[in-house]
Amino acid sequence: MQKHIAVEINQLMLEFSKKLNDSLLLLRDSGEQDDFEKYREDAGKLMTIMYLDIMKPIHLCYPDLESPGLS
C-alpha cells in the first residue's frame, strides 16, 4: 500500500474509532444500561477488527503512523 493511502486510511480509522467511542458515551449517559452493555460489546468487536485487521498491518509497514499507546 502506498504511504499516502495508508495515511488516509489510518486517519479514517482513528476518526471512526472516536465516533464509535462518542456513540458509546451517548448511550451510556442515556441511562439505558442493558442497551449500553450490548452496544459496548458490539462496538468493541468493531474496534478490535479495525485495529487488528486494518490499522496494525498499516503500522507494521509504516511504524511512524502508529499513535503512541497503541502498540
PDB file of N, CA and C in Angstrom:
ATOM      1  N   MET A   1       0.850  -1.166   0.000  1.00  0.00           N
ATOM      2  CA  MET A   1       0.000   0.000   0.000  1.00  0.00           C
ATOM      3  C   MET A   1       0.901   1.236   0.000  1.00  0.00           C
ATOM      4  N   GLN A   2       0.578   2.174  -0.841  1.00  0.00           N
ATOM      5  CA  GLN A   2       1.338   3.414  -0.893  1.00  0.00           C
ATOM      6  C   GLN A   2       1.114   4.210   0.392  1.00  0.00           C
ATOM      7  N   LYS A   3       2.148   4.921   0.809  1.00  0.00           N
ATOM      8  CA  LYS A   3       2.075   5.595   2.104  1.00  0.00           C
ATOM      9  C   LYS A   3       0.948   6.619   2.161  1.00  0.00           C
ATOM     10  N   HIS A   4       0.729   7.376   1.110  1.00  0.00           N
ATOM     11  CA  HIS A   4      -0.316   8.404   1.188  1.00  0.00           C
ATOM     12  C   HIS A   4      -1.700   7.780   1.376  1.00  0.00           C
ATOM     13  N   ILE A   5      -1.901   6.584   0.839  1.00  0.00           N
ATOM     14  CA  ILE A   5      -3.164   5.862   1.044  1.00  0.00           C
ATOM     15  C   ILE A   5      -3.225   5.358   2.489  1.00  0.00           C
ATOM     16  N   ALA A   6      -2.111   4.822   2.973  1.00  0.00           N
ATOM     17  CA  ALA A   6      -2.051   4.338   4.356  1.00  0.00           C
ATOM     18  C   ALA A   6      -2.342   5.467   5.342  1.00  0.00           C
ATOM     19  N   VAL A   7      -1.821   6.643   5.070  1.00  0.00           N
ATOM     20  CA  VAL A   7      -2.065   7.804   5.933  1.00  0.00           C
ATOM     21  C   VAL A   7      -3.555   8.120   5.980  1.00  0.00           C
ATOM     22  N   GLU A   8      -4.199   8.138   4.820  1.00  0.00           N
ATOM     23  CA  GLU A   8      -5.637   8.446   4.751  1.00  0.00           C
ATOM     24  C   GLU A   8      -6.469   7.393   5.486  1.00  0.00           C
ATOM     25  N   ILE A   9      -6.166   6.126   5.241  1.00  0.00           N
ATOM     26  CA  ILE A   9      -6.926   5.049   5.889  1.00  0.00           C
ATOM     27  C   ILE A   9      -6.707   5.090   7.395  1.00  0.00           C
ATOM     28  N   ASN A  10      -5.479   5.283   7.818  1.00  0.00           N
ATOM     29  CA  ASN A  10      -5.174   5.366   9.242  1.00  0.00           C
ATOM     30  C   ASN A  10      -5.975   6.492   9.895  1.00  0.00           C
ATOM     31  N   GLN A  11      -6.010   7.647   9.255  1.00  0.00           N
ATOM     32  CA  GLN A  11      -6.752   8.783   9.800  1.00  0.00           C
ATOM     33  C   GLN A  11      -8.250   8.479   9.873  1.00  0.00           C
ATOM     34  N   LEU A  12      -8.778   7.848   8.842  1.00  0.00           N
ATOM     35  CA  LEU A  12     -10.196   7.477   8.856  1.00  0.00           C
ATOM     36  C   LEU A  12     -10.505   6.502   9.985  1.00  0.00           C
ATOM     37  N   MET A  13      -9.634   5.531  10.204  1.00  0.00           N
ATOM     38  CA  MET A  13      -9.863   4.566  11.284  1.00  0.00           C
ATOM     39  C   MET A  13      -9.844   5.256  12.648  1.00  0.00           C
ATOM     40  N   LEU A  14      -8.958   6.236  12.819  1.00  0.00           N
ATOM     41  CA  LEU A  14      -8.933   6.992  14.073  1.00  0.00           C
ATOM     42  C   LEU A  14     -10.228   7.782  14.256  1.00  0.00           C
ATOM     43  N   GLU A  15     -10.717   8.375  13.162  1.00  0.00           N
ATOM     44  CA  GLU A  15     -11.979   9.119  13.225  1.00  0.00           C
ATOM     45  C   GLU A  15     -13.149   8.192  13.529  1.00  0.00           C
ATOM     46  N   PHE A  16     -13.186   7.035  12.874  1.00  0.00           N
ATOM     47  CA  PHE A  16     -14.261   6.065  13.126  1.00  0.00           C
ATOM     48  C   PHE A  16     -14.234   5.598  14.583  1.00  0.00           C
ATOM     49  N   SER A  17     -13.034   5.359  15.099  1.00  0.00           N
ATOM     50  CA  SER A  17     -12.901   4.920  16.494  1.00  0.00           C
ATOM     51  C   SER A  17     -13.442   5.979  17.447  1.00  0.00           C
ATOM     52  N   LYS A  18     -13.128   7.236  17.156  1.00  0.00           N
ATOM     53  CA  LYS A  18     -13.633   8.321  18.005  1.00  0.00           C
ATOM     54  C   LYS A  18     -15.151   8.400  17.932  1.00  0.00           C
ATOM     55  N   LYS A  19     -15.708   8.261  16.734  1.00  0.00           N
ATOM     56  CA  LYS A  19     -17.167   8.311  16.583  1.00  0.00           C
ATOM     57  C   LYS A  19     -17.835   7.149  17.319  1.00  0.00           C
ATOM     58  N   LEU A  20     -17.246   5.971  17.238  1.00  0.00           N
ATOM     59  CA  LEU A  20     -17.787   4.834  17.987  1.00  0.00           C
ATOM     60  C   LEU A  20     -17.730   5.096  19.488  1.00  0.00           C
ATOM     61  N   ASN A  21     -16.615   5.631  19.938  1.00  0.00           N
ATOM     62  CA  ASN A  21     -16.482   5.945  21.353  1.00  0.00           C
ATOM     63  C   ASN A  21     -17.510   6.998  21.776  1.00  0.00           C
ATOM     64  N   ASP A  22     -17.695   8.027  20.949  1.00  0.00           N
ATOM     65  CA  ASP A  22     -18.691   9.058  21.251  1.00  0.00           C
ATOM     66  C   ASP A  22     -20.091   8.458  21.333  1.00  0.00           C
ATOM     67  N   SER A  23     -20.392   7.515  20.447  1.00  0.00           N
ATOM     68  CA  SER A  23     -21.715   6.886  20.473  1.00  0.00           C
ATOM     69  C   SER A  23     -21.889   6.050  21.742  1.00  0.00           C
ATOM     70  N   LEU A  24     -20.818   5.428  22.203  1.00  0.00           N
ATOM     71  CA  LEU A  24     -20.867   4.681  23.465  1.00  0.00           C
ATOM     72  C   LEU A  24     -21.177   5.606  24.640  1.00  0.00           C
ATOM     73  N   LEU A  25     -20.514   6.748  24.665  1.00  0.00           N
ATOM     74  CA  LEU A  25     -20.745   7.700  25.750  1.00  0.00           C
ATOM     75  C   LEU A  25     -22.176   8.221  25.728  1.00  0.00           C
ATOM     76  N   LEU A  26     -22.695   8.459  24.541  1.00  0.00           N
ATOM     77  CA  LEU A  26     -24.071   8.927  24.397  1.00  0.00           C
ATOM     78  C   LEU A  26     -25.052   7.912  24.976  1.00  0.00           C
ATOM     79  N   LEU A  27     -24.870   6.662  24.621  1.00  0.00           N
ATOM     80  CA  LEU A  27     -25.768   5.621  25.112  1.00  0.00           C
ATOM     81  C   LEU A  27     -25.572   5.381  26.612  1.00  0.00           C
ATOM     82  N   ARG A  28     -24.330   5.415  27.057  1.00  0.00           N
ATOM     83  CA  ARG A  28     -24.060   5.240  28.492  1.00  0.00           C
ATOM     84  C   ARG A  28     -24.769   6.318  29.317  1.00  0.00           C
ATOM     85  N   ASP A  29     -24.694   7.549  28.826  1.00  0.00           N
ATOM     86  CA  ASP A  29     -25.283   8.667  29.556  1.00  0.00           C
ATOM     87  C   ASP A  29     -26.804   8.696  29.477  1.00  0.00           C
ATOM     88  N   SER A  30     -27.387   7.888  28.606  1.00  0.00           N
ATOM     89  CA  SER A  30     -28.846   7.845  28.478  1.00  0.00           C
ATOM     90  C   SER A  30     -29.484   7.074  29.629  1.00  0.00           C
ATOM     91  N   GLY A  31     -28.674   6.299  30.345  1.00  0.00           N
ATOM     92  CA  GLY A  31     -29.185   5.533  31.467  1.00  0.00           C
ATOM     93  C   GLY A  31     -29.747   4.172  31.094  1.00  0.00           C
ATOM     94  N   GLU A  32     -29.678   3.812  29.826  1.00  0.00           N
ATOM     95  CA  GLU A  32     -30.200   2.515  29.374  1.00  0.00           C
ATOM     96  C   GLU A  32     -29.083   1.477  29.458  1.00  0.00           C
ATOM     97  N   GLN A  33     -28.886   0.952  30.648  1.00  0.00           N
ATOM     98  CA  GLN A  33     -27.739   0.087  30.939  1.00  0.00           C
ATOM     99  C   GLN A  33     -27.713  -1.179  30.088  1.00  0.00           C
ATOM    100  N   ASP A  34     -28.858  -1.843  29.930  1.00  0.00           N
ATOM    101  CA  ASP A  34     -28.887  -3.081  29.137  1.00  0.00           C
ATOM    102  C   ASP A  34     -28.489  -2.812  27.690  1.00  0.00           C
ATOM    103  N   ASP A  35     -29.049  -1.744  27.118  1.00  0.00           N
ATOM    104  CA  ASP A  35     -28.707  -1.386  25.742  1.00  0.00           C
ATOM    105  C   ASP A  35     -27.232  -1.018  25.640  1.00  0.00           C
ATOM    106  N   PHE A  36     -26.751  -0.274  26.635  1.00  0.00           N
ATOM    107  CA  PHE A  36     -25.358   0.149  26.627  1.00  0.00           C
ATOM    108  C   PHE A  36     -24.411  -1.041  26.656  1.00  0.00           C
ATOM    109  N   GLU A  37     -24.672  -2.016  27.500  1.00  0.00           N
ATOM    110  CA  GLU A  37     -23.770  -3.168  27.617  1.00  0.00           C
ATOM    111  C   GLU A  37     -23.693  -3.959  26.317  1.00  0.00           C
ATOM    112  N   LYS A  38     -24.821  -4.174  25.663  1.00  0.00           N
ATOM    113  CA  LYS A  38     -24.829  -4.893  24.380  1.00  0.00           C
ATOM    114  C   LYS A  38     -24.101  -4.082  23.311  1.00  0.00           C
ATOM    115  N   TYR A  39     -24.402  -2.791  23.260  1.00  0.00           N
ATOM    116  CA  TYR A  39     -23.779  -1.915  22.272  1.00  0.00           C
ATOM    117  C   TYR A  39     -22.269  -1.839  22.493  1.00  0.00           C
ATOM    118  N   ARG A  40     -21.856  -1.751  23.768  1.00  0.00           N
ATOM    119  CA  ARG A  40     -20.426  -1.688  24.078  1.00  0.00           C
ATOM    120  C   ARG A  40     -19.712  -2.945  23.590  1.00  0.00           C
ATOM    121  N   GLU A  41     -20.355  -4.088  23.775  1.00  0.00           N
ATOM    122  CA  GLU A  41     -19.772  -5.349  23.304  1.00  0.00           C
ATOM    123  C   GLU A  41     -19.604  -5.337  21.784  1.00  0.00           C
ATOM    124  N   ASP A  42     -20.644  -4.920  21.080  1.00  0.00           N
ATOM    125  CA  ASP A  42     -20.585  -4.892  19.613  1.00  0.00           C
ATOM    126  C   ASP A  42     -19.598  -3.842  19.104  1.00  0.00           C
ATOM    127  N   ALA A  43     -19.582  -2.676  19.729  1.00  0.00           N
ATOM    128  CA  ALA A  43     -18.640  -1.632  19.335  1.00  0.00           C
ATOM    129  C   ALA A  43     -17.207  -2.091  19.589  1.00  0.00           C
ATOM    130  N   GLY A  44     -16.996  -2.818  20.671  1.00  0.00           N
ATOM    131  CA  GLY A  44     -15.670  -3.353  20.968  1.00  0.00           C
ATOM    132  C   GLY A  44     -15.190  -4.326  19.903  1.00  0.00           C
ATOM    133  N   LYS A  45     -16.116  -5.132  19.398  1.00  0.00           N
ATOM    134  CA  LYS A  45     -15.762  -6.057  18.312  1.00  0.00           C
ATOM    135  C   LYS A  45     -15.323  -5.281  17.075  1.00  0.00           C
ATOM    136  N   LEU A  46     -16.076  -4.226  16.750  1.00  0.00           N
ATOM    137  CA  LEU A  46     -15.717  -3.404  15.589  1.00  0.00           C
ATOM    138  C   LEU A  46     -14.345  -2.762  15.770  1.00  0.00           C
ATOM    139  N   MET A  47     -14.102  -2.208  16.950  1.00  0.00           N
ATOM    140  CA  MET A  47     -12.816  -1.555  17.205  1.00  0.00           C
ATOM    141  C   MET A  47     -11.665  -2.551  17.133  1.00  0.00           C
ATOM    142  N   THR A  48     -11.889  -3.755  17.618  1.00  0.00           N
ATOM    143  CA  THR A  48     -10.856  -4.791  17.561  1.00  0.00           C
ATOM    144  C   THR A  48     -10.536  -5.150  16.117  1.00  0.00           C
ATOM    145  N   ILE A  49     -11.563  -5.346  15.314  1.00  0.00           N
ATOM    146  CA  ILE A  49     -11.356  -5.664  13.899  1.00  0.00           C
ATOM    147  C   ILE A  49     -10.640  -4.518  13.195  1.00  0.00           C
ATOM    148  N   MET A  50     -11.091  -3.287  13.453  1.00  0.00           N
ATOM    149  CA  MET A  50     -10.454  -2.131  12.811  1.00  0.00           C
ATOM    150  C   MET A  50      -8.974  -2.070  13.161  1.00  0.00           C
ATOM    151  N   TYR A  51      -8.652  -2.340  14.427  1.00  0.00           N
ATOM    152  CA  TYR A  51      -7.255  -2.250  14.827  1.00  0.00           C
ATOM    153  C   TYR A  51      -6.429  -3.415  14.286  1.00  0.00           C
ATOM    154  N   LEU A  52      -6.865  -4.637  14.563  1.00  0.00           N
ATOM    155  CA  LEU A  52      -6.054  -5.805  14.204  1.00  0.00           C
ATOM    156  C   LEU A  52      -5.987  -6.057  12.701  1.00  0.00           C
ATOM    157  N   ASP A  53      -7.094  -5.855  12.004  1.00  0.00           N
ATOM    158  CA  ASP A  53      -7.148  -6.210  10.585  1.00  0.00           C
ATOM    159  C   ASP A  53      -6.833  -5.058   9.641  1.00  0.00           C
ATOM    160  N   ILE A  54      -6.955  -3.832  10.115  1.00  0.00           N
ATOM    161  CA  ILE A  54      -6.727  -2.691   9.222  1.00  0.00           C
ATOM    162  C   ILE A  54      -5.535  -1.857   9.689  1.00  0.00           C
ATOM    163  N   MET A  55      -5.582  -1.396  10.936  1.00  0.00           N
ATOM    164  CA  MET A  55      -4.543  -0.476  11.391  1.00  0.00           C
ATOM    165  C   MET A  55      -3.202  -1.162  11.662  1.00  0.00           C
ATOM    166  N   LYS A  56      -3.220  -2.301  12.316  1.00  0.00           N
ATOM    167  CA  LYS A  56      -1.962  -2.973  12.665  1.00  0.00           C
ATOM    168  C   LYS A  56      -1.119  -3.298  11.426  1.00  0.00           C
ATOM    169  N   PRO A  57      -1.708  -3.852  10.343  1.00  0.00           N
ATOM    170  CA  PRO A  57      -0.897  -4.081   9.145  1.00  0.00           C
ATOM    171  C   PRO A  57      -0.298  -2.789   8.567  1.00  0.00           C
ATOM    172  N   ILE A  58      -1.054  -1.705   8.655  1.00  0.00           N
ATOM    173  CA  ILE A  58      -0.523  -0.414   8.196  1.00  0.00           C
ATOM    174  C   ILE A  58       0.658  -0.009   9.072  1.00  0.00           C
ATOM    175  N   HIS A  59       0.512  -0.172  10.379  1.00  0.00           N
ATOM    176  CA  HIS A  59       1.576   0.231  11.299  1.00  0.00           C
ATOM    177  C   HIS A  59       2.818  -0.645  11.163  1.00  0.00           C
ATOM    178  N   LEU A  60       2.637  -1.886  10.753  1.00  0.00           N
ATOM    179  CA  LEU A  60       3.805  -2.740  10.512  1.00  0.00           C
ATOM    180  C   LEU A  60       4.606  -2.240   9.319  1.00  0.00           C
ATOM    181  N   CYS A  61       3.910  -1.726   8.310  1.00  0.00           N
ATOM    182  CA  CYS A  61       4.593  -1.173   7.131  1.00  0.00           C
ATOM    183  C   CYS A  61       5.117   0.236   7.384  1.00  0.00           C
ATOM    184  N   TYR A  62       4.350   1.009   8.149  1.00  0.00           N
ATOM    185  CA  TYR A  62       4.676   2.416   8.403  1.00  0.00           C
ATOM    186  C   TYR A  62       4.574   2.696   9.905  1.00  0.00           C
ATOM    187  N   PRO A  63       5.579   2.294  10.678  1.00  0.00           N
ATOM    188  CA  PRO A  63       5.522   2.450  12.137  1.00  0.00           C
ATOM    189  C   PRO A  63       5.318   3.899  12.592  1.00  0.00           C
ATOM    190  N   ASP A  64       5.727   4.835  11.768  1.00  0.00           N
ATOM    191  CA  ASP A  64       5.577   6.243  12.143  1.00  0.00           C
ATOM    192  C   ASP A  64       4.115   6.690  12.194  1.00  0.00           C
ATOM    193  N   LEU A  65       3.208   5.894  11.627  1.00  0.00           N
ATOM    194  CA  LEU A  65       1.788   6.248  11.644  1.00  0.00           C
ATOM    195  C   LEU A  65       1.082   5.786  12.917  1.00  0.00           C
ATOM    196  N   GLU A  66       1.736   4.938  13.691  1.00  0.00           N
ATOM    197  CA  GLU A  66       1.096   4.399  14.893  1.00  0.00           C
ATOM    198  C   GLU A  66       1.071   5.450  15.998  1.00  0.00           C
ATOM    199  N   SER A  67      -0.109   5.667  16.536  1.00  0.00           N
ATOM    200  CA  SER A  67      -0.274   6.619  17.631  1.00  0.00           C
ATOM    201  C   SER A  67       0.406   6.077  18.882  1.00  0.00           C
ATOM    202  N   PRO A  68       0.997   6.954  19.684  1.00  0.00           N
ATOM    203  CA  PRO A  68       1.594   6.497  20.946  1.00  0.00           C
ATOM    204  C   PRO A  68       0.539   5.797  21.800  1.00  0.00           C
ATOM    205  N   GLY A  69       0.909   4.691  22.391  1.00  0.00           N
ATOM    206  CA  GLY A  69      -0.008   3.961  23.256  1.00  0.00           C
ATOM    207  C   GLY A  69      -0.802   2.881  22.554  1.00  0.00           C
ATOM    208  N   LEU A  70      -0.713   2.775  21.237  1.00  0.00           N
ATOM    209  CA  LEU A  70      -1.459   1.742  20.516  1.00  0.00           C
ATOM    210  C   LEU A  70      -0.683   0.446  20.370  1.00  0.00           C
ATOM    211  N   SER A  71       0.621   0.509  20.471  1.00  0.00           N
ATOM    212  CA  SER A  71       1.417  -0.694  20.225  1.00  0.00           C
ATOM    213  C   SER A  71       1.313  -1.692  21.339  1.00  0.00           C
TER     214      SER A  71
END
